[in-house]
Amino acid sequence: MGAAALWRSIRRRPPGWVEIEPDPRAHALRERLDESRGVAEERDEFESAETTVDAAEALPADPAERRQAVHAEGRSVVDRMRASEED
């Protein structure tokens, strides 16, 4: 009994002290915040693999020039593939 009385005197609250009940929605809110942090991290990781607009190379303004560049790149890839098959 002496320990209980000591504990009560240590834990004594000032006059007018009111215990506040936690909001029942607080736990659900904490869970949603934890989930959103995970989604935000996944989004940051996903977006880090993308080329930013300022780092992207400028495309030719003329669609015909762009088409020629794409075809030239495709031909070089095909030539490399054929060369590796012949080896």
PDB file of N, CA and C in Angstrom:
ATOM      1  N   MET A   1       0.816  -1.192   0.000  1.00  0.00           N
ATOM      2  CA  MET A   1       0.000   0.000   0.000  1.00  0.00           C
ATOM      3  C   MET A   1       0.856   1.250   0.000  1.00  0.00           C
ATOM      4  N   GLY A   2       2.002   1.188   0.587  1.00  0.00           N
ATOM      5  CA  GLY A   2       2.872   2.353   0.654  1.00  0.00           C
ATOM      6  C   GLY A   2       3.337   2.767  -0.745  1.00  0.00           C
ATOM      7  N   ALA A   3       3.590   1.786  -1.598  1.00  0.00           N
ATOM      8  CA  ALA A   3       4.041   2.085  -2.959  1.00  0.00           C
ATOM      9  C   ALA A   3       2.931   2.771  -3.751  1.00  0.00           C
ATOM     10  N   ALA A   4       1.681   2.339  -3.538  1.00  0.00           N
ATOM     11  CA  ALA A   4       0.554   2.943  -4.251  1.00  0.00           C
ATOM     12  C   ALA A   4       0.372   4.400  -3.824  1.00  0.00           C
ATOM     13  N   ALA A   5       0.518   4.685  -2.555  1.00  0.00           N
ATOM     14  CA  ALA A   5       0.372   6.056  -2.070  1.00  0.00           C
ATOM     15  C   ALA A   5       1.499   6.932  -2.613  1.00  0.00           C
ATOM     16  N   LEU A   6       2.701   6.376  -2.649  1.00  0.00           N
ATOM     17  CA  LEU A   6       3.827   7.114  -3.209  1.00  0.00           C
ATOM     18  C   LEU A   6       3.580   7.424  -4.684  1.00  0.00           C
ATOM     19  N   TRP A   7       3.092   6.442  -5.418  1.00  0.00           N
ATOM     20  CA  TRP A   7       2.809   6.624  -6.835  1.00  0.00           C
ATOM     21  C   TRP A   7       1.739   7.704  -7.045  1.00  0.00           C
ATOM     22  N   ARG A   8       0.695   7.700  -6.248  1.00  0.00           N
ATOM     23  CA  ARG A   8      -0.354   8.710  -6.379  1.00  0.00           C
ATOM     24  C   ARG A   8       0.181  10.107  -6.089  1.00  0.00           C
ATOM     25  N   SER A   9       1.079  10.222  -5.127  1.00  0.00           N
ATOM     26  CA  SER A   9       1.606  11.550  -4.802  1.00  0.00           C
ATOM     27  C   SER A   9       2.552  12.049  -5.895  1.00  0.00           C
ATOM     28  N   ILE A  10       3.275  11.142  -6.518  1.00  0.00           N
ATOM     29  CA  ILE A  10       4.165  11.537  -7.611  1.00  0.00           C
ATOM     30  C   ILE A  10       3.348  11.936  -8.841  1.00  0.00           C
ATOM     31  N   ARG A  11       2.299  11.196  -9.089  1.00  0.00           N
ATOM     32  CA  ARG A  11       1.478  11.396 -10.275  1.00  0.00           C
ATOM     33  C   ARG A  11       0.385  12.434 -10.071  1.00  0.00           C
ATOM     34  N   ARG A  12       0.394  13.096  -8.976  1.00  0.00           N
ATOM     35  CA  ARG A  12      -0.655  14.070  -8.677  1.00  0.00           C
ATOM     36  C   ARG A  12      -0.696  15.159  -9.745  1.00  0.00           C
ATOM     37  N   ARG A  13      -1.877  15.463 -10.189  1.00  0.00           N
ATOM     38  CA  ARG A  13      -2.082  16.457 -11.244  1.00  0.00           C
ATOM     39  C   ARG A  13      -2.433  17.800 -10.605  1.00  0.00           C
ATOM     40  N   PRO A  14      -2.119  18.875 -11.290  1.00  0.00           N
ATOM     41  CA  PRO A  14      -2.488  20.189 -10.761  1.00  0.00           C
ATOM     42  C   PRO A  14      -4.006  20.343 -10.759  1.00  0.00           C
ATOM     43  N   PRO A  15      -4.534  21.231  -9.937  1.00  0.00           N
ATOM     44  CA  PRO A  15      -5.987  21.425  -9.906  1.00  0.00           C
ATOM     45  C   PRO A  15      -6.515  21.847 -11.276  1.00  0.00           C
ATOM     46  N   GLY A  16      -7.629  21.289 -11.652  1.00  0.00           N
ATOM     47  CA  GLY A  16      -8.249  21.614 -12.929  1.00  0.00           C
ATOM     48  C   GLY A  16      -7.740  20.767 -14.082  1.00  0.00           C
ATOM     49  N   TRP A  17      -6.863  19.823 -13.763  1.00  0.00           N
ATOM     50  CA  TRP A  17      -6.318  18.949 -14.806  1.00  0.00           C
ATOM     51  C   TRP A  17      -7.425  18.057 -15.358  1.00  0.00           C
ATOM     52  N   VAL A  18      -7.499  17.961 -16.681  1.00  0.00           N
ATOM     53  CA  VAL A  18      -8.508  17.131 -17.321  1.00  0.00           C
ATOM     54  C   VAL A  18      -7.801  16.187 -18.280  1.00  0.00           C
ATOM     55  N   GLU A  19      -8.066  14.912 -18.141  1.00  0.00           N
ATOM     56  CA  GLU A  19      -7.517  13.932 -19.074  1.00  0.00           C
ATOM     57  C   GLU A  19      -8.257  14.062 -20.393  1.00  0.00           C
ATOM     58  N   ILE A  20      -7.519  14.206 -21.450  1.00  0.00           N
ATOM     59  CA  ILE A  20      -8.131  14.340 -22.766  1.00  0.00           C
ATOM     60  C   ILE A  20      -8.170  12.969 -23.421  1.00  0.00           C
ATOM     61  N   GLU A  21      -9.343  12.606 -23.866  1.00  0.00           N
ATOM     62  CA  GLU A  21      -9.513  11.335 -24.560  1.00  0.00           C
ATOM     63  C   GLU A  21      -8.949  11.478 -25.970  1.00  0.00           C
ATOM     64  N   PRO A  22      -8.154  10.512 -26.433  1.00  0.00           N
ATOM     65  CA  PRO A  22      -7.654  10.605 -27.806  1.00  0.00           C
ATOM     66  C   PRO A  22      -8.797  10.456 -28.804  1.00  0.00           C
ATOM     67  N   ASP A  23      -8.692  11.191 -29.888  1.00  0.00           N
ATOM     68  CA  ASP A  23      -9.713  11.140 -30.935  1.00  0.00           C
ATOM     69  C   ASP A  23      -9.693   9.748 -31.564  1.00  0.00           C
ATOM     70  N   PRO A  24     -10.826   9.091 -31.669  1.00  0.00           N
ATOM     71  CA  PRO A  24     -10.838   7.731 -32.230  1.00  0.00           C
ATOM     72  C   PRO A  24     -10.384   7.706 -33.693  1.00  0.00           C
ATOM     73  N   ARG A  25     -10.425   8.817 -34.382  1.00  0.00           N
ATOM     74  CA  ARG A  25      -9.995   8.856 -35.779  1.00  0.00           C
ATOM     75  C   ARG A  25      -8.480   9.021 -35.908  1.00  0.00           C
ATOM     76  N   ALA A  26      -7.799   9.299 -34.799  1.00  0.00           N
ATOM     77  CA  ALA A  26      -6.367   9.571 -34.847  1.00  0.00           C
ATOM     78  C   ALA A  26      -5.586   8.365 -35.343  1.00  0.00           C
ATOM     79  N   HIS A  27      -5.933   7.191 -34.892  1.00  0.00           N
ATOM     80  CA  HIS A  27      -5.218   5.981 -35.309  1.00  0.00           C
ATOM     81  C   HIS A  27      -5.389   5.765 -36.814  1.00  0.00           C
ATOM     82  N   ALA A  28      -6.608   5.930 -37.309  1.00  0.00           N
ATOM     83  CA  ALA A  28      -6.856   5.754 -38.742  1.00  0.00           C
ATOM     84  C   ALA A  28      -6.077   6.791 -39.546  1.00  0.00           C
ATOM     85  N   LEU A  29      -6.009   8.007 -39.040  1.00  0.00           N
ATOM     86  CA  LEU A  29      -5.269   9.055 -39.723  1.00  0.00           C
ATOM     87  C   LEU A  29      -3.776   8.729 -39.757  1.00  0.00           C
ATOM     88  N   ARG A  30      -3.238   8.240 -38.647  1.00  0.00           N
ATOM     89  CA  ARG A  30      -1.819   7.865 -38.614  1.00  0.00           C
ATOM     90  C   ARG A  30      -1.526   6.772 -39.638  1.00  0.00           C
ATOM     91  N   GLU A  31      -2.418   5.788 -39.752  1.00  0.00           N
ATOM     92  CA  GLU A  31      -2.226   4.710 -40.730  1.00  0.00           C
ATOM     93  C   GLU A  31      -2.234   5.267 -42.149  1.00  0.00           C
ATOM     94  N   ARG A  32      -3.171   6.160 -42.433  1.00  0.00           N
ATOM     95  CA  ARG A  32      -3.241   6.742 -43.781  1.00  0.00           C
ATOM     96  C   ARG A  32      -1.997   7.568 -44.085  1.00  0.00           C
ATOM     97  N   LEU A  33      -1.490   8.290 -43.090  1.00  0.00           N
ATOM     98  CA  LEU A  33      -0.271   9.067 -43.298  1.00  0.00           C
ATOM     99  C   LEU A  33       0.928   8.159 -43.566  1.00  0.00           C
ATOM    100  N   ASP A  34       1.020   7.052 -42.833  1.00  0.00           N
ATOM    101  CA  ASP A  34       2.105   6.099 -43.059  1.00  0.00           C
ATOM    102  C   ASP A  34       2.031   5.519 -44.468  1.00  0.00           C
ATOM    103  N   GLU A  35       0.822   5.184 -44.921  1.00  0.00           N
ATOM    104  CA  GLU A  35       0.651   4.652 -46.272  1.00  0.00           C
ATOM    105  C   GLU A  35       1.050   5.693 -47.311  1.00  0.00           C
ATOM    106  N   SER A  36       0.664   6.941 -47.095  1.00  0.00           N
ATOM    107  CA  SER A  36       0.965   7.980 -48.084  1.00  0.00           C
ATOM    108  C   SER A  36       2.463   8.249 -48.157  1.00  0.00           C
ATOM    109  N   ARG A  37       3.165   8.105 -47.040  1.00  0.00           N
ATOM    110  CA  ARG A  37       4.620   8.286 -47.083  1.00  0.00           C
ATOM    111  C   ARG A  37       5.250   7.225 -47.967  1.00  0.00           C
ATOM    112  N   GLY A  38       4.769   6.001 -47.856  1.00  0.00           N
ATOM    113  CA  GLY A  38       5.290   4.926 -48.701  1.00  0.00           C
ATOM    114  C   GLY A  38       5.014   5.178 -50.167  1.00  0.00           C
ATOM    115  N   VAL A  39       3.826   5.666 -50.473  1.00  0.00           N
ATOM    116  CA  VAL A  39       3.471   5.970 -51.863  1.00  0.00           C
ATOM    117  C   VAL A  39       4.326   7.111 -52.385  1.00  0.00           C
ATOM    118  N   ALA A  40       4.559   8.103 -51.558  1.00  0.00           N
ATOM    119  CA  ALA A  40       5.385   9.239 -51.976  1.00  0.00           C
ATOM    120  C   ALA A  40       6.812   8.789 -52.263  1.00  0.00           C
ATOM    121  N   GLU A  41       7.352   7.897 -51.439  1.00  0.00           N
ATOM    122  CA  GLU A  41       8.700   7.378 -51.677  1.00  0.00           C
ATOM    123  C   GLU A  41       8.749   6.590 -52.976  1.00  0.00           C
ATOM    124  N   GLU A  42       7.718   5.763 -53.233  1.00  0.00           N
ATOM    125  CA  GLU A  42       7.671   5.001 -54.479  1.00  0.00           C
ATOM    126  C   GLU A  42       7.595   5.947 -55.673  1.00  0.00           C
ATOM    127  N   ARG A  43       6.805   7.005 -55.541  1.00  0.00           N
ATOM    128  CA  ARG A  43       6.664   7.969 -56.637  1.00  0.00           C
ATOM    129  C   ARG A  43       7.989   8.667 -56.903  1.00  0.00           C
ATOM    130  N   ASP A  44       8.687   9.082 -55.840  1.00  0.00           N
ATOM    131  CA  ASP A  44       9.983   9.731 -56.011  1.00  0.00           C
ATOM    132  C   ASP A  44      10.976   8.798 -56.698  1.00  0.00           C
ATOM    133  N   GLU A  45      10.959   7.519 -56.291  1.00  0.00           N
ATOM    134  CA  GLU A  45      11.851   6.539 -56.895  1.00  0.00           C
ATOM    135  C   GLU A  45      11.509   6.364 -58.379  1.00  0.00           C
ATOM    136  N   PHE A  46      10.229   6.289 -58.693  1.00  0.00           N
ATOM    137  CA  PHE A  46       9.785   6.120 -60.080  1.00  0.00           C
ATOM    138  C   PHE A  46      10.172   7.323 -60.924  1.00  0.00           C
ATOM    139  N   GLU A  47       9.930   8.508 -60.395  1.00  0.00           N
ATOM    140  CA  GLU A  47      10.221   9.727 -61.145  1.00  0.00           C
ATOM    141  C   GLU A  47      11.711   9.995 -61.281  1.00  0.00           C
ATOM    142  N   SER A  48      12.532   9.436 -60.402  1.00  0.00           N
ATOM    143  CA  SER A  48      13.971   9.667 -60.510  1.00  0.00           C
ATOM    144  C   SER A  48      14.545   8.991 -61.751  1.00  0.00           C
ATOM    145  N   ALA A  49      13.871   7.977 -62.275  1.00  0.00           N
ATOM    146  CA  ALA A  49      14.340   7.291 -63.473  1.00  0.00           C
ATOM    147  C   ALA A  49      13.966   8.036 -64.749  1.00  0.00           C
ATOM    148  N   GLU A  50      13.104   9.016 -64.661  1.00  0.00           N
ATOM    149  CA  GLU A  50      12.674   9.762 -65.837  1.00  0.00           C
ATOM    150  C   GLU A  50      13.678  10.856 -66.179  1.00  0.00           C
ATOM    151  N   THR A  51      13.752  11.172 -67.455  1.00  0.00           N
ATOM    152  CA  THR A  51      14.593  12.274 -67.900  1.00  0.00           C
ATOM    153  C   THR A  51      13.812  13.566 -67.724  1.00  0.00           C
ATOM    154  N   THR A  52      14.416  14.508 -67.048  1.00  0.00           N
ATOM    155  CA  THR A  52      13.734  15.776 -66.827  1.00  0.00           C
ATOM    156  C   THR A  52      13.708  16.588 -68.115  1.00  0.00           C
ATOM    157  N   VAL A  53      12.813  17.526 -68.180  1.00  0.00           N
ATOM    158  CA  VAL A  53      12.639  18.330 -69.383  1.00  0.00           C
ATOM    159  C   VAL A  53      13.913  19.098 -69.716  1.00  0.00           C
ATOM    160  N   ASP A  54      14.570  19.648 -68.715  1.00  0.00           N
ATOM    161  CA  ASP A  54      15.766  20.437 -68.985  1.00  0.00           C
ATOM    162  C   ASP A  54      16.962  19.570 -69.388  1.00  0.00           C
ATOM    163  N   ALA A  55      16.929  18.263 -69.060  1.00  0.00           N
ATOM    164  CA  ALA A  55      18.019  17.370 -69.427  1.00  0.00           C
ATOM    165  C   ALA A  55      17.762  16.647 -70.752  1.00  0.00           C
ATOM    166  N   ALA A  56      16.557  16.689 -71.257  1.00  0.00           N
ATOM    167  CA  ALA A  56      16.218  16.017 -72.504  1.00  0.00           C
ATOM    168  C   ALA A  56      16.822  16.779 -73.674  1.00  0.00           C
ATOM    169  N   GLU A  57      17.234  16.007 -74.676  1.00  0.00           N
ATOM    170  CA  GLU A  57      17.800  16.672 -75.845  1.00  0.00           C
ATOM    171  C   GLU A  57      16.677  17.247 -76.700  1.00  0.00           C
ATOM    172  N   ALA A  58      16.975  18.326 -77.342  1.00  0.00           N
ATOM    173  CA  ALA A  58      15.962  18.984 -78.166  1.00  0.00           C
ATOM    174  C   ALA A  58      15.730  18.189 -79.448  1.00  0.00           C
ATOM    175  N   LEU A  59      14.484  18.023 -79.803  1.00  0.00           N
ATOM    176  CA  LEU A  59      14.131  17.328 -81.026  1.00  0.00           C
ATOM    177  C   LEU A  59      14.129  18.313 -82.186  1.00  0.00           C
ATOM    178  N   PRO A  60      14.436  17.818 -83.375  1.00  0.00           N
ATOM    179  CA  PRO A  60      14.359  18.717 -84.534  1.00  0.00           C
ATOM    180  C   PRO A  60      12.935  19.241 -84.694  1.00  0.00           C
ATOM    181  N   ALA A  61      12.830  20.485 -85.098  1.00  0.00           N
ATOM    182  CA  ALA A  61      11.512  21.097 -85.257  1.00  0.00           C
ATOM    183  C   ALA A  61      10.767  20.506 -86.439  1.00  0.00           C
ATOM    184  N   ASP A  62      11.507  20.063 -87.444  1.00  0.00           N
ATOM    185  CA  ASP A  62      10.892  19.514 -88.647  1.00  0.00           C
ATOM    186  C   ASP A  62      10.630  18.019 -88.454  1.00  0.00           C
ATOM    187  N   PRO A  63       9.391  17.571 -88.626  1.00  0.00           N
ATOM    188  CA  PRO A  63       9.098  16.140 -88.481  1.00  0.00           C
ATOM    189  C   PRO A  63       9.851  15.268 -89.487  1.00  0.00           C
ATOM    190  N   ALA A  64      10.115  15.781 -90.654  1.00  0.00           N
ATOM    191  CA  ALA A  64      10.848  15.004 -91.657  1.00  0.00           C
ATOM    192  C   ALA A  64      12.279  14.737 -91.177  1.00  0.00           C
ATOM    193  N   GLU A  65      12.906  15.744 -90.559  1.00  0.00           N
ATOM    194  CA  GLU A  65      14.256  15.553 -90.016  1.00  0.00           C
ATOM    195  C   GLU A  65      14.246  14.516 -88.901  1.00  0.00           C
ATOM    196  N   ARG A  66      13.248  14.585 -88.053  1.00  0.00           N
ATOM    197  CA  ARG A  66      13.140  13.625 -86.945  1.00  0.00           C
ATOM    198  C   ARG A  66      12.952  12.222 -87.494  1.00  0.00           C
ATOM    199  N   ARG A  67      12.118  12.072 -88.518  1.00  0.00           N
ATOM    200  CA  ARG A  67      11.861  10.771 -89.128  1.00  0.00           C
ATOM    201  C   ARG A  67      13.150  10.202 -89.709  1.00  0.00           C
ATOM    202  N   GLN A  68      13.923  11.038 -90.395  1.00  0.00           N
ATOM    203  CA  GLN A  68      15.189  10.592 -90.974  1.00  0.00           C
ATOM    204  C   GLN A  68      16.166  10.150 -89.883  1.00  0.00           C
ATOM    205  N   ALA A  69      16.199  10.897 -88.787  1.00  0.00           N
ATOM    206  CA  ALA A  69      17.100  10.546 -87.680  1.00  0.00           C
ATOM    207  C   ALA A  69      16.698   9.213 -87.053  1.00  0.00           C
ATOM    208  N   VAL A  70      15.399   8.991 -86.897  1.00  0.00           N
ATOM    209  CA  VAL A  70      14.927   7.733 -86.307  1.00  0.00           C
ATOM    210  C   VAL A  70      15.254   6.569 -87.230  1.00  0.00           C
ATOM    211  N   HIS A  71      15.039   6.736 -88.537  1.00  0.00           N
ATOM    212  CA  HIS A  71      15.334   5.664 -89.489  1.00  0.00           C
ATOM    213  C   HIS A  71      16.837   5.378 -89.543  1.00  0.00           C
ATOM    214  N   ALA A  72      17.653   6.414 -89.485  1.00  0.00           N
ATOM    215  CA  ALA A  72      19.104   6.217 -89.504  1.00  0.00           C
ATOM    216  C   ALA A  72      19.551   5.449 -88.260  1.00  0.00           C
ATOM    217  N   GLU A  73      18.979   5.789 -87.124  1.00  0.00           N
ATOM    218  CA  GLU A  73      19.323   5.075 -85.881  1.00  0.00           C
ATOM    219  C   GLU A  73      18.881   3.627 -85.965  1.00  0.00           C
ATOM    220  N   GLY A  74      17.691   3.389 -86.504  1.00  0.00           N
ATOM    221  CA  GLY A  74      17.190   2.026 -86.661  1.00  0.00           C
ATOM    222  C   GLY A  74      18.060   1.203 -87.597  1.00  0.00           C
ATOM    223  N   ARG A  75      18.499   1.826 -88.707  1.00  0.00           N
ATOM    224  CA  ARG A  75      19.378   1.106 -89.645  1.00  0.00           C
ATOM    225  C   ARG A  75      20.688   0.737 -88.978  1.00  0.00           C
ATOM    226  N   SER A  76      21.241   1.636 -88.166  1.00  0.00           N
ATOM    227  CA  SER A  76      22.518   1.327 -87.506  1.00  0.00           C
ATOM    228  C   SER A  76      22.356   0.195 -86.499  1.00  0.00           C
ATOM    229  N   VAL A  77      21.231   0.140 -85.824  1.00  0.00           N
ATOM    230  CA  VAL A  77      20.981  -0.953 -84.874  1.00  0.00           C
ATOM    231  C   VAL A  77      20.855  -2.273 -85.626  1.00  0.00           C
ATOM    232  N   VAL A  78      20.130  -2.271 -86.747  1.00  0.00           N
ATOM    233  CA  VAL A  78      19.972  -3.492 -87.550  1.00  0.00           C
ATOM    234  C   VAL A  78      21.329  -3.945 -88.080  1.00  0.00           C
ATOM    235  N   ASP A  79      22.149  -3.009 -88.552  1.00  0.00           N
ATOM    236  CA  ASP A  79      23.478  -3.364 -89.052  1.00  0.00           C
ATOM    237  C   ASP A  79      24.338  -3.984 -87.959  1.00  0.00           C
ATOM    238  N   ARG A  80      24.274  -3.430 -86.736  1.00  0.00           N
ATOM    239  CA  ARG A  80      25.027  -4.017 -85.622  1.00  0.00           C
ATOM    240  C   ARG A  80      24.529  -5.400 -85.265  1.00  0.00           C
ATOM    241  N   MET A  81      23.219  -5.595 -85.324  1.00  0.00           N
ATOM    242  CA  MET A  81      22.659  -6.917 -85.010  1.00  0.00           C
ATOM    243  C   MET A  81      23.080  -7.950 -86.062  1.00  0.00           C
ATOM    244  N   ARG A  82      23.056  -7.558 -87.322  1.00  0.00           N
ATOM    245  CA  ARG A  82      23.464  -8.477 -88.393  1.00  0.00           C
ATOM    246  C   ARG A  82      24.947  -8.802 -88.270  1.00  0.00           C
ATOM    247  N   ALA A  83      25.742  -7.787 -87.917  1.00  0.00           N
ATOM    248  CA  ALA A  83      27.191  -8.015 -87.771  1.00  0.00           C
ATOM    249  C   ALA A  83      27.465  -8.972 -86.616  1.00  0.00           C
ATOM    250  N   SER A  84      26.705  -8.880 -85.535  1.00  0.00           N
ATOM    251  CA  SER A  84      26.931  -9.775 -84.395  1.00  0.00           C
ATOM    252  C   SER A  84      26.466 -11.191 -84.708  1.00  0.00           C
ATOM    253  N   GLU A  85      25.462 -11.354 -85.600  1.00  0.00           N
ATOM    254  CA  GLU A  85      25.000 -12.685 -85.990  1.00  0.00           C
ATOM    255  C   GLU A  85      26.023 -13.385 -86.875  1.00  0.00           C
ATOM    256  N   GLU A  86      26.745 -12.626 -87.698  1.00  0.00           N
ATOM    257  CA  GLU A  86      27.731 -13.200 -88.611  1.00  0.00           C
ATOM    258  C   GLU A  86      28.971 -13.658 -87.893  1.00  0.00           C
ATOM    259  N   ASP A  87      29.246 -13.118 -86.726  1.00  0.00           N
ATOM    260  CA  ASP A  87      30.467 -13.474 -85.969  1.00  0.00           C
ATOM    261  C   ASP A  87      30.417 -14.838 -85.386  1.00  0.00           C
TER     262      ASP A  87
END
